[in-house]
Amino acid sequence: MLMSKDTPEVGDVWIDTETDRIYHITLVENDIIWFAMIYKYSGMQVFWEKLDMFCKDCKYLGHSKANINDLFKTENE
């Protein structure tokens, strides 16, 4: 899989350079980026932002080895 530090792809991890919040890219549609952020007490929330604004405010960290959907699964599921 070709990964780019300039264009977010599903599974990439980016950091907001102003807030240090870490985002996991969950979906890329046209010029809209959907990303998840994990909160300590309230779980995962998903947000969206236009591609150009997202890339302006965030920095590429790498590609995640984990699947974001598996983070809250338990053995009983």
PDB file of N, CA and C in Angstrom:
ATOM      1  N   MET A   1       0.841  -1.180   0.000  1.00  0.00           N
ATOM      2  CA  MET A   1       0.000   0.000   0.000  1.00  0.00           C
ATOM      3  C   MET A   1       0.887   1.244   0.000  1.00  0.00           C
ATOM      4  N   LEU A   2       0.594   2.154  -0.889  1.00  0.00           N
ATOM      5  CA  LEU A   2       1.349   3.394  -0.984  1.00  0.00           C
ATOM      6  C   LEU A   2       0.791   4.405   0.010  1.00  0.00           C
ATOM      7  N   MET A   3       1.629   4.884   0.906  1.00  0.00           N
ATOM      8  CA  MET A   3       1.189   5.866   1.890  1.00  0.00           C
ATOM      9  C   MET A   3       1.831   7.203   1.582  1.00  0.00           C
ATOM     10  N   SER A   4       1.109   8.258   1.866  1.00  0.00           N
ATOM     11  CA  SER A   4       1.615   9.583   1.567  1.00  0.00           C
ATOM     12  C   SER A   4       1.499  10.482   2.782  1.00  0.00           C
ATOM     13  N   LYS A   5       2.548  11.212   3.040  1.00  0.00           N
ATOM     14  CA  LYS A   5       2.519  12.164   4.153  1.00  0.00           C
ATOM     15  C   LYS A   5       1.723  13.405   3.790  1.00  0.00           C
ATOM     16  N   ASP A   6       1.373  13.556   2.505  1.00  0.00           N
ATOM     17  CA  ASP A   6       0.628  14.728   2.050  1.00  0.00           C
ATOM     18  C   ASP A   6      -0.866  14.474   1.931  1.00  0.00           C
ATOM     19  N   THR A   7      -1.263  13.217   1.778  1.00  0.00           N
ATOM     20  CA  THR A   7      -2.669  12.885   1.587  1.00  0.00           C
ATOM     21  C   THR A   7      -3.088  11.820   2.592  1.00  0.00           C
ATOM     22  N   PRO A   8      -3.983  12.145   3.519  1.00  0.00           N
ATOM     23  CA  PRO A   8      -4.434  11.162   4.505  1.00  0.00           C
ATOM     24  C   PRO A   8      -5.112   9.966   3.845  1.00  0.00           C
ATOM     25  N   GLU A   9      -4.832   8.784   4.380  1.00  0.00           N
ATOM     26  CA  GLU A   9      -5.449   7.550   3.919  1.00  0.00           C
ATOM     27  C   GLU A   9      -6.015   6.802   5.119  1.00  0.00           C
ATOM     28  N   VAL A  10      -6.991   5.941   4.875  1.00  0.00           N
ATOM     29  CA  VAL A  10      -7.596   5.155   5.946  1.00  0.00           C
ATOM     30  C   VAL A  10      -6.508   4.371   6.669  1.00  0.00           C
ATOM     31  N   GLY A  11      -6.509   4.471   7.993  1.00  0.00           N
ATOM     32  CA  GLY A  11      -5.512   3.787   8.821  1.00  0.00           C
ATOM     33  C   GLY A  11      -4.339   4.660   9.221  1.00  0.00           C
ATOM     34  N   ASP A  12      -4.209   5.828   8.605  1.00  0.00           N
ATOM     35  CA  ASP A  12      -3.120   6.746   8.970  1.00  0.00           C
ATOM     36  C   ASP A  12      -3.388   7.389  10.330  1.00  0.00           C
ATOM     37  N   VAL A  13      -2.326   7.785  10.983  1.00  0.00           N
ATOM     38  CA  VAL A  13      -2.419   8.496  12.260  1.00  0.00           C
ATOM     39  C   VAL A  13      -1.791   9.875  12.065  1.00  0.00           C
ATOM     40  N   TRP A  14      -2.527  10.912  12.418  1.00  0.00           N
ATOM     41  CA  TRP A  14      -2.077  12.293  12.275  1.00  0.00           C
ATOM     42  C   TRP A  14      -2.206  12.983  13.622  1.00  0.00           C
ATOM     43  N   ILE A  15      -1.443  14.054  13.826  1.00  0.00           N
ATOM     44  CA  ILE A  15      -1.521  14.824  15.067  1.00  0.00           C
ATOM     45  C   ILE A  15      -1.833  16.276  14.725  1.00  0.00           C
ATOM     46  N   ASP A  16      -2.727  16.862  15.498  1.00  0.00           N
ATOM     47  CA  ASP A  16      -3.043  18.285  15.358  1.00  0.00           C
ATOM     48  C   ASP A  16      -1.877  19.064  15.959  1.00  0.00           C
ATOM     49  N   THR A  17      -1.238  19.891  15.164  1.00  0.00           N
ATOM     50  CA  THR A  17      -0.025  20.580  15.611  1.00  0.00           C
ATOM     51  C   THR A  17      -0.293  21.657  16.655  1.00  0.00           C
ATOM     52  N   GLU A  18      -1.545  22.091  16.802  1.00  0.00           N
ATOM     53  CA  GLU A  18      -1.857  23.111  17.803  1.00  0.00           C
ATOM     54  C   GLU A  18      -2.306  22.512  19.129  1.00  0.00           C
ATOM     55  N   THR A  19      -3.029  21.383  19.088  1.00  0.00           N
ATOM     56  CA  THR A  19      -3.608  20.822  20.311  1.00  0.00           C
ATOM     57  C   THR A  19      -2.946  19.523  20.764  1.00  0.00           C
ATOM     58  N   ASP A  20      -2.104  18.927  19.920  1.00  0.00           N
ATOM     59  CA  ASP A  20      -1.470  17.628  20.174  1.00  0.00           C
ATOM     60  C   ASP A  20      -2.474  16.481  20.257  1.00  0.00           C
ATOM     61  N   ARG A  21      -3.688  16.683  19.739  1.00  0.00           N
ATOM     62  CA  ARG A  21      -4.662  15.591  19.681  1.00  0.00           C
ATOM     63  C   ARG A  21      -4.275  14.664  18.538  1.00  0.00           C
ATOM     64  N   ILE A  22      -4.413  13.374  18.783  1.00  0.00           N
ATOM     65  CA  ILE A  22      -4.043  12.378  17.778  1.00  0.00           C
ATOM     66  C   ILE A  22      -5.309  11.839  17.121  1.00  0.00           C
ATOM     67  N   TYR A  23      -5.286  11.773  15.791  1.00  0.00           N
ATOM     68  CA  TYR A  23      -6.437  11.338  15.001  1.00  0.00           C
ATOM     69  C   TYR A  23      -6.099  10.095  14.196  1.00  0.00           C
ATOM     70  N   HIS A  24      -7.053   9.199  14.095  1.00  0.00           N
ATOM     71  CA  HIS A  24      -6.944   7.998  13.273  1.00  0.00           C
ATOM     72  C   HIS A  24      -7.916   8.165  12.112  1.00  0.00           C
ATOM     73  N   ILE A  25      -7.409   8.131  10.878  1.00  0.00           N
ATOM     74  CA  ILE A  25      -8.252   8.336   9.698  1.00  0.00           C
ATOM     75  C   ILE A  25      -9.123   7.105   9.496  1.00  0.00           C
ATOM     76  N   THR A  26     -10.440   7.314   9.449  1.00  0.00           N
ATOM     77  CA  THR A  26     -11.379   6.208   9.302  1.00  0.00           C
ATOM     78  C   THR A  26     -12.019   6.144   7.922  1.00  0.00           C
ATOM     79  N   LEU A  27     -12.073   7.273   7.197  1.00  0.00           N
ATOM     80  CA  LEU A  27     -12.692   7.293   5.878  1.00  0.00           C
ATOM     81  C   LEU A  27     -12.220   8.526   5.122  1.00  0.00           C
ATOM     82  N   VAL A  28     -11.981   8.371   3.835  1.00  0.00           N
ATOM     83  CA  VAL A  28     -11.628   9.498   2.974  1.00  0.00           C
ATOM     84  C   VAL A  28     -12.622   9.487   1.816  1.00  0.00           C
ATOM     85  N   GLU A  29     -13.405  10.565   1.698  1.00  0.00           N
ATOM     86  CA  GLU A  29     -14.414  10.680   0.645  1.00  0.00           C
ATOM     87  C   GLU A  29     -14.235  11.997  -0.085  1.00  0.00           C
ATOM     88  N   ASN A  30     -13.865  11.926  -1.353  1.00  0.00           N
ATOM     89  CA  ASN A  30     -13.649  13.131  -2.156  1.00  0.00           C
ATOM     90  C   ASN A  30     -12.692  14.062  -1.430  1.00  0.00           C
ATOM     91  N   ASP A  31     -13.156  15.208  -0.971  1.00  0.00           N
ATOM     92  CA  ASP A  31     -12.270  16.136  -0.267  1.00  0.00           C
ATOM     93  C   ASP A  31     -12.617  16.244   1.217  1.00  0.00           C
ATOM     94  N   ILE A  32     -13.284  15.205   1.752  1.00  0.00           N
ATOM     95  CA  ILE A  32     -13.662  15.179   3.170  1.00  0.00           C
ATOM     96  C   ILE A  32     -12.901  14.049   3.867  1.00  0.00           C
ATOM     97  N   ILE A  33     -12.300  14.370   5.010  1.00  0.00           N
ATOM     98  CA  ILE A  33     -11.571  13.404   5.833  1.00  0.00           C
ATOM     99  C   ILE A  33     -12.408  13.110   7.074  1.00  0.00           C
ATOM    100  N   TRP A  34     -12.681  11.843   7.332  1.00  0.00           N
ATOM    101  CA  TRP A  34     -13.356  11.420   8.558  1.00  0.00           C
ATOM    102  C   TRP A  34     -12.290  10.830   9.462  1.00  0.00           C
ATOM    103  N   PHE A  35     -12.262  11.252  10.717  1.00  0.00           N
ATOM    104  CA  PHE A  35     -11.235  10.765  11.631  1.00  0.00           C
ATOM    105  C   PHE A  35     -11.820  10.532  13.012  1.00  0.00           C
ATOM    106  N   ALA A  36     -11.209   9.604  13.731  1.00  0.00           N
ATOM    107  CA  ALA A  36     -11.655   9.243  15.072  1.00  0.00           C
ATOM    108  C   ALA A  36     -10.652   9.770  16.087  1.00  0.00           C
ATOM    109  N   MET A  37     -11.186  10.158  17.231  1.00  0.00           N
ATOM    110  CA  MET A  37     -10.344  10.579  18.342  1.00  0.00           C
ATOM    111  C   MET A  37     -10.824   9.816  19.572  1.00  0.00           C
ATOM    112  N   ILE A  38      -9.898   9.274  20.325  1.00  0.00           N
ATOM    113  CA  ILE A  38     -10.228   8.501  21.516  1.00  0.00           C
ATOM    114  C   ILE A  38     -10.161   9.397  22.747  1.00  0.00           C
ATOM    115  N   TYR A  39     -11.241   9.403  23.506  1.00  0.00           N
ATOM    116  CA  TYR A  39     -11.285  10.150  24.760  1.00  0.00           C
ATOM    117  C   TYR A  39     -11.196   9.167  25.918  1.00  0.00           C
ATOM    118  N   LYS A  40     -10.496   9.537  26.953  1.00  0.00           N
ATOM    119  CA  LYS A  40     -10.259   8.643  28.083  1.00  0.00           C
ATOM    120  C   LYS A  40     -11.560   8.147  28.716  1.00  0.00           C
ATOM    121  N   TYR A  41     -12.548   9.026  28.892  1.00  0.00           N
ATOM    122  CA  TYR A  41     -13.751   8.629  29.618  1.00  0.00           C
ATOM    123  C   TYR A  41     -14.991   8.471  28.743  1.00  0.00           C
ATOM    124  N   SER A  42     -15.019   9.100  27.595  1.00  0.00           N
ATOM    125  CA  SER A  42     -16.244   9.036  26.800  1.00  0.00           C
ATOM    126  C   SER A  42     -16.119   8.184  25.546  1.00  0.00           C
ATOM    127  N   GLY A  43     -15.001   7.497  25.370  1.00  0.00           N
ATOM    128  CA  GLY A  43     -14.854   6.604  24.227  1.00  0.00           C
ATOM    129  C   GLY A  43     -14.433   7.315  22.955  1.00  0.00           C
ATOM    130  N   MET A  44     -14.800   6.726  21.842  1.00  0.00           N
ATOM    131  CA  MET A  44     -14.374   7.233  20.553  1.00  0.00           C
ATOM    132  C   MET A  44     -15.434   8.150  19.951  1.00  0.00           C
ATOM    133  N   GLN A  45     -14.991   9.245  19.373  1.00  0.00           N
ATOM    134  CA  GLN A  45     -15.877  10.132  18.631  1.00  0.00           C
ATOM    135  C   GLN A  45     -15.294  10.328  17.248  1.00  0.00           C
ATOM    136  N   VAL A  46     -16.181  10.455  16.257  1.00  0.00           N
ATOM    137  CA  VAL A  46     -15.748  10.620  14.874  1.00  0.00           C
ATOM    138  C   VAL A  46     -16.090  12.031  14.413  1.00  0.00           C
ATOM    139  N   PHE A  47     -15.153  12.648  13.716  1.00  0.00           N
ATOM    140  CA  PHE A  47     -15.308  14.006  13.219  1.00  0.00           C
ATOM    141  C   PHE A  47     -14.986  14.022  11.729  1.00  0.00           C
ATOM    142  N   TRP A  48     -15.311  15.118  11.078  1.00  0.00           N
ATOM    143  CA  TRP A  48     -14.910  15.282   9.684  1.00  0.00           C
ATOM    144  C   TRP A  48     -14.373  16.684   9.470  1.00  0.00           C
ATOM    145  N   GLU A  49     -13.559  16.816   8.440  1.00  0.00           N
ATOM    146  CA  GLU A  49     -13.004  18.125   8.083  1.00  0.00           C
ATOM    147  C   GLU A  49     -12.613  18.085   6.612  1.00  0.00           C
ATOM    148  N   LYS A  50     -12.621  19.230   5.969  1.00  0.00           N
ATOM    149  CA  LYS A  50     -12.189  19.299   4.575  1.00  0.00           C
ATOM    150  C   LYS A  50     -10.697  18.972   4.496  1.00  0.00           C
ATOM    151  N   LEU A  51     -10.321  18.288   3.437  1.00  0.00           N
ATOM    152  CA  LEU A  51      -8.952  17.809   3.252  1.00  0.00           C
ATOM    153  C   LEU A  51      -7.919  18.915   3.386  1.00  0.00           C
ATOM    154  N   ASP A  52      -8.133  20.049   2.731  1.00  0.00           N
ATOM    155  CA  ASP A  52      -7.126  21.115   2.758  1.00  0.00           C
ATOM    156  C   ASP A  52      -6.923  21.687   4.153  1.00  0.00           C
ATOM    157  N   MET A  53      -7.991  21.850   4.919  1.00  0.00           N
ATOM    158  CA  MET A  53      -7.878  22.368   6.291  1.00  0.00           C
ATOM    159  C   MET A  53      -7.211  21.339   7.201  1.00  0.00           C
ATOM    160  N   PHE A  54      -7.574  20.083   7.029  1.00  0.00           N
ATOM    161  CA  PHE A  54      -6.995  19.025   7.850  1.00  0.00           C
ATOM    162  C   PHE A  54      -5.479  18.961   7.647  1.00  0.00           C
ATOM    163  N   CYS A  55      -5.051  18.958   6.392  1.00  0.00           N
ATOM    164  CA  CYS A  55      -3.612  18.866   6.094  1.00  0.00           C
ATOM    165  C   CYS A  55      -2.858  20.107   6.557  1.00  0.00           C
ATOM    166  N   LYS A  56      -3.522  21.245   6.591  1.00  0.00           N
ATOM    167  CA  LYS A  56      -2.885  22.485   7.049  1.00  0.00           C
ATOM    168  C   LYS A  56      -2.644  22.445   8.563  1.00  0.00           C
ATOM    169  N   ASP A  57      -3.588  21.864   9.301  1.00  0.00           N
ATOM    170  CA  ASP A  57      -3.537  21.875  10.762  1.00  0.00           C
ATOM    171  C   ASP A  57      -2.844  20.657  11.377  1.00  0.00           C
ATOM    172  N   CYS A  58      -2.643  19.604  10.593  1.00  0.00           N
ATOM    173  CA  CYS A  58      -2.155  18.346  11.152  1.00  0.00           C
ATOM    174  C   CYS A  58      -0.878  17.870  10.480  1.00  0.00           C
ATOM    175  N   LYS A  59      -0.192  16.962  11.187  1.00  0.00           N
ATOM    176  CA  LYS A  59       1.078  16.403  10.709  1.00  0.00           C
ATOM    177  C   LYS A  59       0.968  14.877  10.725  1.00  0.00           C
ATOM    178  N   TYR A  60       1.457  14.256   9.679  1.00  0.00           N
ATOM    179  CA  TYR A  60       1.436  12.800   9.530  1.00  0.00           C
ATOM    180  C   TYR A  60       2.389  12.142  10.528  1.00  0.00           C
ATOM    181  N   LEU A  61       1.889  11.136  11.267  1.00  0.00           N
ATOM    182  CA  LEU A  61       2.734  10.387  12.205  1.00  0.00           C
ATOM    183  C   LEU A  61       3.117   9.016  11.674  1.00  0.00           C
ATOM    184  N   GLY A  62       2.217   8.398  10.918  1.00  0.00           N
ATOM    185  CA  GLY A  62       2.492   7.063  10.394  1.00  0.00           C
ATOM    186  C   GLY A  62       1.206   6.308  10.154  1.00  0.00           C
ATOM    187  N   HIS A  63       1.344   5.041   9.790  1.00  0.00           N
ATOM    188  CA  HIS A  63       0.175   4.192   9.524  1.00  0.00           C
ATOM    189  C   HIS A  63      -0.035   3.272  10.719  1.00  0.00           C
ATOM    190  N   SER A  64      -1.254   3.202  11.213  1.00  0.00           N
ATOM    191  CA  SER A  64      -1.574   2.400  12.387  1.00  0.00           C
ATOM    192  C   SER A  64      -1.470   0.911  12.102  1.00  0.00           C
ATOM    193  N   LYS A  65      -0.985   0.160  13.080  1.00  0.00           N
ATOM    194  CA  LYS A  65      -0.945  -1.290  12.982  1.00  0.00           C
ATOM    195  C   LYS A  65      -2.234  -1.903  13.509  1.00  0.00           C
ATOM    196  N   ALA A  66      -3.040  -1.106  14.211  1.00  0.00           N
ATOM    197  CA  ALA A  66      -4.284  -1.595  14.810  1.00  0.00           C
ATOM    198  C   ALA A  66      -5.490  -1.109  14.019  1.00  0.00           C
ATOM    199  N   ASN A  67      -6.568  -1.840  14.139  1.00  0.00           N
ATOM    200  CA  ASN A  67      -7.831  -1.450  13.542  1.00  0.00           C
ATOM    201  C   ASN A  67      -8.630  -0.682  14.593  1.00  0.00           C
ATOM    202  N   ILE A  68      -9.007   0.542  14.291  1.00  0.00           N
ATOM    203  CA  ILE A  68      -9.715   1.402  15.253  1.00  0.00           C
ATOM    204  C   ILE A  68     -11.016   0.757  15.745  1.00  0.00           C
ATOM    205  N   ASN A  69     -11.671  -0.049  14.915  1.00  0.00           N
ATOM    206  CA  ASN A  69     -12.939  -0.679  15.295  1.00  0.00           C
ATOM    207  C   ASN A  69     -12.751  -1.768  16.339  1.00  0.00           C
ATOM    208  N   ASP A  70     -11.541  -2.295  16.497  1.00  0.00           N
ATOM    209  CA  ASP A  70     -11.279  -3.363  17.463  1.00  0.00           C
ATOM    210  C   ASP A  70     -10.907  -2.865  18.853  1.00  0.00           C
ATOM    211  N   LEU A  71     -10.715  -1.569  19.027  1.00  0.00           N
ATOM    212  CA  LEU A  71     -10.227  -1.052  20.303  1.00  0.00           C
ATOM    213  C   LEU A  71     -11.150  -1.308  21.480  1.00  0.00           C
ATOM    214  N   PHE A  72     -12.458  -1.343  21.257  1.00  0.00           N
ATOM    215  CA  PHE A  72     -13.402  -1.482  22.361  1.00  0.00           C
ATOM    216  C   PHE A  72     -14.054  -2.864  22.410  1.00  0.00           C
ATOM    217  N   LYS A  73     -13.577  -3.805  21.618  1.00  0.00           N
ATOM    218  CA  LYS A  73     -14.120  -5.154  21.636  1.00  0.00           C
ATOM    219  C   LYS A  73     -13.601  -5.911  22.847  1.00  0.00           C
ATOM    220  N   THR A  74     -14.425  -6.824  23.337  1.00  0.00           N
ATOM    221  CA  THR A  74     -14.027  -7.658  24.462  1.00  0.00           C
ATOM    222  C   THR A  74     -14.048  -9.111  24.025  1.00  0.00           C
ATOM    223  N   GLU A  75     -13.551 -10.006  24.886  1.00  0.00           N
ATOM    224  CA  GLU A  75     -13.544 -11.426  24.561  1.00  0.00           C
ATOM    225  C   GLU A  75     -14.942 -12.000  24.454  1.00  0.00           C
ATOM    226  N   ASN A  76     -15.916 -11.370  25.089  1.00  0.00           N
ATOM    227  CA  ASN A  76     -17.291 -11.874  25.107  1.00  0.00           C
ATOM    228  C   ASN A  76     -18.053 -11.556  23.820  1.00  0.00           C
ATOM    229  N   GLU A  77     -17.497 -10.721  22.956  1.00  0.00           N
ATOM    230  CA  GLU A  77     -18.213 -10.366  21.729  1.00  0.00           C
ATOM    231  C   GLU A  77     -17.978 -11.374  20.636  1.00  0.00           C
TER     232      GLU A  77
END
